[in-house]
Every structure is written in C-alpha cells, then in structure tokens.
C-alpha cells in the first residue's frame, strides 16, 4: 500500500462495530491499521 490511511478508511469498521451484526463481539483486539501490525510486528 505504501501510504498512510485517513479517518475515512475507518468508516467500515466503525459502522460494523456499532451495528447489531457485532453484538456478539466483546473484548477483542481488532486492529484497523492496513496490515501495518503484520509489517512491524506486535509485542505484548
């Protein structure tokens, strides 16, 4: 991708999480980062 996202790229995830379709999702780490997490890694 080689570019940073802007706030409009988060709309789909936000709409889903605010909808009834996401009513069963609780306590999950949901990265919305355009695969950046896979490229740089994640350490707890």
N, C-alpha and C. Protein backbone atom coordinates (compact mmCIF):
# COMPACT_ATOMS: atom_id res chain seq x y z
N UNK A 1 0.83 -1.18 0.00
CA UNK A 1 0.00 0.00 0.00
C UNK A 1 0.88 1.25 0.00
N UNK A 2 1.90 1.25 0.84
CA UNK A 2 2.88 2.33 0.84
C UNK A 2 2.29 3.72 1.05
N UNK A 3 1.27 3.79 1.89
CA UNK A 3 0.67 5.09 2.21
C UNK A 3 -0.05 4.99 3.54
N UNK A 4 -0.23 6.12 4.18
CA UNK A 4 -0.99 6.17 5.42
C UNK A 4 -2.47 6.30 5.10
N UNK A 5 -3.29 5.70 5.92
CA UNK A 5 -4.74 5.84 5.75
C UNK A 5 -5.23 7.13 6.39
N UNK A 6 -6.44 7.49 6.07
CA UNK A 6 -7.04 8.64 6.73
C UNK A 6 -8.30 8.17 7.45
N UNK A 7 -8.93 9.06 8.15
CA UNK A 7 -10.07 8.70 9.01
C UNK A 7 -11.21 8.07 8.23
N UNK A 8 -11.35 8.39 6.96
CA UNK A 8 -12.45 7.81 6.18
C UNK A 8 -12.27 6.31 5.98
N UNK A 9 -11.06 5.80 6.12
CA UNK A 9 -10.81 4.37 5.95
C UNK A 9 -11.35 3.55 7.13
N UNK A 10 -11.63 4.21 8.25
CA UNK A 10 -12.13 3.52 9.43
C UNK A 10 -13.64 3.36 9.43
N UNK A 11 -14.32 4.01 8.50
CA UNK A 11 -15.78 4.03 8.50
C UNK A 11 -16.40 2.64 8.50
N UNK A 12 -15.90 1.74 7.67
CA UNK A 12 -16.47 0.40 7.59
C UNK A 12 -16.38 -0.34 8.91
N UNK A 13 -15.23 -0.29 9.55
CA UNK A 13 -15.05 -0.96 10.84
C UNK A 13 -15.92 -0.34 11.91
N UNK A 14 -16.01 0.97 11.93
CA UNK A 14 -16.83 1.66 12.93
C UNK A 14 -18.30 1.35 12.73
N UNK A 15 -18.76 1.37 11.49
CA UNK A 15 -20.16 1.05 11.21
C UNK A 15 -20.49 -0.37 11.61
N UNK A 16 -19.58 -1.30 11.33
CA UNK A 16 -19.82 -2.69 11.71
C UNK A 16 -19.88 -2.84 13.23
N UNK A 17 -18.92 -2.26 13.94
CA UNK A 17 -18.88 -2.41 15.39
C UNK A 17 -20.07 -1.75 16.08
N UNK A 18 -20.66 -0.76 15.46
CA UNK A 18 -21.83 -0.09 16.03
C UNK A 18 -23.14 -0.74 15.60
N UNK A 19 -23.07 -1.74 14.75
CA UNK A 19 -24.29 -2.36 14.24
C UNK A 19 -24.68 -3.58 15.08
N UNK A 20 -25.89 -4.06 14.85
CA UNK A 20 -26.36 -5.27 15.53
C UNK A 20 -25.56 -6.50 15.12
N UNK A 21 -24.94 -6.47 13.95
CA UNK A 21 -24.15 -7.61 13.49
C UNK A 21 -22.96 -7.88 14.40
N UNK A 22 -22.50 -6.88 15.13
CA UNK A 22 -21.34 -7.03 16.01
C UNK A 22 -21.75 -7.23 17.46
N UNK A 23 -22.99 -7.54 17.71
CA UNK A 23 -23.47 -7.64 19.10
C UNK A 23 -22.81 -8.77 19.87
N UNK A 24 -22.22 -9.74 19.21
CA UNK A 24 -21.58 -10.86 19.88
C UNK A 24 -20.09 -10.63 20.11
N UNK A 25 -19.55 -9.52 19.61
CA UNK A 25 -18.13 -9.22 19.75
C UNK A 25 -17.91 -8.46 21.06
N UNK A 26 -17.08 -9.05 21.93
CA UNK A 26 -16.72 -8.39 23.19
C UNK A 26 -15.26 -8.67 23.50
N UNK A 27 -14.56 -7.71 24.03
CA UNK A 27 -13.20 -7.88 24.50
C UNK A 27 -12.22 -8.42 23.48
N UNK A 28 -12.23 -7.87 22.30
CA UNK A 28 -11.32 -8.35 21.26
C UNK A 28 -10.38 -7.22 20.84
N UNK A 29 -9.15 -7.56 20.51
CA UNK A 29 -8.20 -6.62 19.94
C UNK A 29 -8.41 -6.64 18.44
N UNK A 30 -8.95 -5.57 17.90
CA UNK A 30 -9.29 -5.52 16.48
C UNK A 30 -8.48 -4.42 15.80
N UNK A 31 -7.30 -4.76 15.27
CA UNK A 31 -6.51 -3.73 14.61
C UNK A 31 -7.13 -3.31 13.28
N UNK A 32 -7.23 -2.02 13.09
CA UNK A 32 -7.68 -1.46 11.81
C UNK A 32 -6.53 -0.56 11.35
N UNK A 33 -5.51 -1.21 10.81
CA UNK A 33 -4.27 -0.49 10.54
C UNK A 33 -3.71 -0.71 9.14
N UNK A 34 -4.48 -1.33 8.26
CA UNK A 34 -3.99 -1.55 6.90
C UNK A 34 -2.78 -2.47 6.83
N UNK A 35 -2.73 -3.48 7.66
CA UNK A 35 -1.69 -4.51 7.71
C UNK A 35 -0.38 -4.00 8.33
N UNK A 36 -0.35 -2.80 8.86
CA UNK A 36 0.86 -2.27 9.47
C UNK A 36 1.33 -3.16 10.61
N UNK A 37 0.40 -3.71 11.38
CA UNK A 37 0.76 -4.58 12.50
C UNK A 37 1.56 -5.79 12.04
N UNK A 38 1.21 -6.36 10.90
CA UNK A 38 1.95 -7.51 10.37
C UNK A 38 3.34 -7.11 9.90
N UNK A 39 3.48 -5.91 9.40
CA UNK A 39 4.76 -5.48 8.84
C UNK A 39 5.77 -5.11 9.92
N UNK A 40 5.32 -4.47 11.00
CA UNK A 40 6.24 -4.02 12.04
C UNK A 40 6.27 -4.95 13.23
N UNK A 41 5.31 -5.84 13.35
CA UNK A 41 5.26 -6.77 14.47
C UNK A 41 4.54 -6.19 15.67
N UNK A 42 4.20 -7.07 16.60
CA UNK A 42 3.48 -6.65 17.80
C UNK A 42 4.03 -7.42 18.98
N UNK A 43 4.44 -6.72 20.01
CA UNK A 43 4.96 -7.37 21.21
C UNK A 43 4.16 -6.90 22.41
N UNK A 44 3.71 -7.84 23.21
CA UNK A 44 2.99 -7.51 24.44
C UNK A 44 3.96 -7.31 25.57
